[in-house]
């Protein structure tokens, strides 16, 4: 699903960014550009970030 219409960023793009090491909203913004224009997508982008970080946590602990 598209999260940021201004930049054409999908939830998949945000999850990929988390996989590549983004671990904060600021890092996600810097890497993808999400929520840097009108900011309407910020709540959804933060939710996707939190979900992605939560799903990444067990893999990090197992390693």
C-alpha atoms as a PDB file:
ATOM      1  CA  UNK A   1       0.000   0.000   0.000  1.00  0.00           C
ATOM      2  CA  UNK A   2       1.154   3.533  -0.608  1.00  0.00           C
ATOM      3  CA  UNK A   3       2.014   5.356   2.597  1.00  0.00           C
ATOM      4  CA  UNK A   4       3.454   8.596   1.198  1.00  0.00           C
ATOM      5  CA  UNK A   5       1.697   9.844  -1.914  1.00  0.00           C
ATOM      6  CA  UNK A   6       3.966  12.886  -2.253  1.00  0.00           C
ATOM      7  CA  UNK A   7       7.012  10.670  -2.846  1.00  0.00           C
ATOM      8  CA  UNK A   8       5.342   7.431  -3.954  1.00  0.00           C
ATOM      9  CA  UNK A   9       6.625   5.447  -0.962  1.00  0.00           C
ATOM     10  CA  UNK A  10       5.004   2.123  -0.122  1.00  0.00           C
ATOM     11  CA  UNK A  11       4.936   0.244   3.156  1.00  0.00           C
ATOM     12  CA  UNK A  12       7.214  -2.318   1.475  1.00  0.00           C
ATOM     13  CA  UNK A  13       9.809   0.440   0.914  1.00  0.00           C
ATOM     14  CA  UNK A  14       9.690   1.382   4.585  1.00  0.00           C
ATOM     15  CA  UNK A  15      10.020  -2.235   5.707  1.00  0.00           C
ATOM     16  CA  UNK A  16      12.996  -2.685   3.378  1.00  0.00           C
ATOM     17  CA  UNK A  17      14.619   0.406   4.900  1.00  0.00           C
ATOM     18  CA  UNK A  18      14.217  -1.087   8.381  1.00  0.00           C
ATOM     19  CA  UNK A  19      15.770  -4.322   7.137  1.00  0.00           C
ATOM     20  CA  UNK A  20      18.705  -2.268   5.860  1.00  0.00           C
ATOM     21  CA  UNK A  21      19.246  -0.682   9.268  1.00  0.00           C
ATOM     22  CA  UNK A  22      16.859   2.245   9.777  1.00  0.00           C
ATOM     23  CA  UNK A  23      15.902   2.051  13.418  1.00  0.00           C
ATOM     24  CA  UNK A  24      14.299   5.445  14.052  1.00  0.00           C
ATOM     25  CA  UNK A  25      11.776   7.657  12.344  1.00  0.00           C
ATOM     26  CA  UNK A  26      14.460  10.215  11.564  1.00  0.00           C
ATOM     27  CA  UNK A  27      16.620   7.557   9.908  1.00  0.00           C
ATOM     28  CA  UNK A  28      13.609   6.363   7.931  1.00  0.00           C
ATOM     29  CA  UNK A  29      12.957   9.914   6.738  1.00  0.00           C
ATOM     30  CA  UNK A  30      16.589  10.423   5.746  1.00  0.00           C
ATOM     31  CA  UNK A  31      16.734   7.128   3.861  1.00  0.00           C
ATOM     32  CA  UNK A  32      13.343   7.219   2.108  1.00  0.00           C
ATOM     33  CA  UNK A  33      12.079  10.803   2.222  1.00  0.00           C
ATOM     34  CA  UNK A  34       8.829   9.671   3.854  1.00  0.00           C
ATOM     35  CA  UNK A  35       6.904  12.425   5.645  1.00  0.00           C
ATOM     36  CA  UNK A  36       9.174  15.217   4.432  1.00  0.00           C
ATOM     37  CA  UNK A  37       6.602  17.063   2.341  1.00  0.00           C
ATOM     38  CA  UNK A  38       3.013  17.498   3.584  1.00  0.00           C
ATOM     39  CA  UNK A  39       3.517  15.104   6.538  1.00  0.00           C
ATOM     40  CA  UNK A  40       0.018  13.636   6.241  1.00  0.00           C
ATOM     41  CA  UNK A  41       1.568  10.169   6.110  1.00  0.00           C
ATOM     42  CA  UNK A  42       3.546  10.508   9.342  1.00  0.00           C
ATOM     43  CA  UNK A  43       1.191   8.506  11.601  1.00  0.00           C
ATOM     44  CA  UNK A  44       1.003   5.629   9.134  1.00  0.00           C
ATOM     45  CA  UNK A  45       4.743   5.718   8.471  1.00  0.00           C
ATOM     46  CA  UNK A  46       5.438   5.579  12.212  1.00  0.00           C
ATOM     47  CA  UNK A  47       3.062   2.632  12.560  1.00  0.00           C
ATOM     48  CA  UNK A  48       4.793   0.727   9.743  1.00  0.00           C
ATOM     49  CA  UNK A  49       8.171   1.521  11.337  1.00  0.00           C
ATOM     50  CA  UNK A  50       7.074   0.202  14.731  1.00  0.00           C
ATOM     51  CA  UNK A  51       5.644  -2.973  13.198  1.00  0.00           C
ATOM     52  CA  UNK A  52       8.805  -3.558  11.174  1.00  0.00           C
ATOM     53  CA  UNK A  53      11.039  -2.989  14.196  1.00  0.00           C
ATOM     54  CA  UNK A  54       8.915  -5.351  16.293  1.00  0.00           C
ATOM     55  CA  UNK A  55       9.087  -8.091  13.680  1.00  0.00           C
ATOM     56  CA  UNK A  56      12.847  -7.593  13.359  1.00  0.00           C
ATOM     57  CA  UNK A  57      13.464  -7.863  17.106  1.00  0.00           C
ATOM     58  CA  UNK A  58      13.153 -11.677  17.418  1.00  0.00           C
ATOM     59  CA  UNK A  59      15.606 -12.186  14.554  1.00  0.00           C
ATOM     60  CA  UNK A  60      18.118  -9.862  16.207  1.00  0.00           C
ATOM     61  CA  UNK A  61      17.788 -11.637  19.548  1.00  0.00           C
ATOM     62  CA  UNK A  62      18.226 -15.061  17.950  1.00  0.00           C
ATOM     63  CA  UNK A  63      21.457 -14.042  16.221  1.00  0.00           C
END
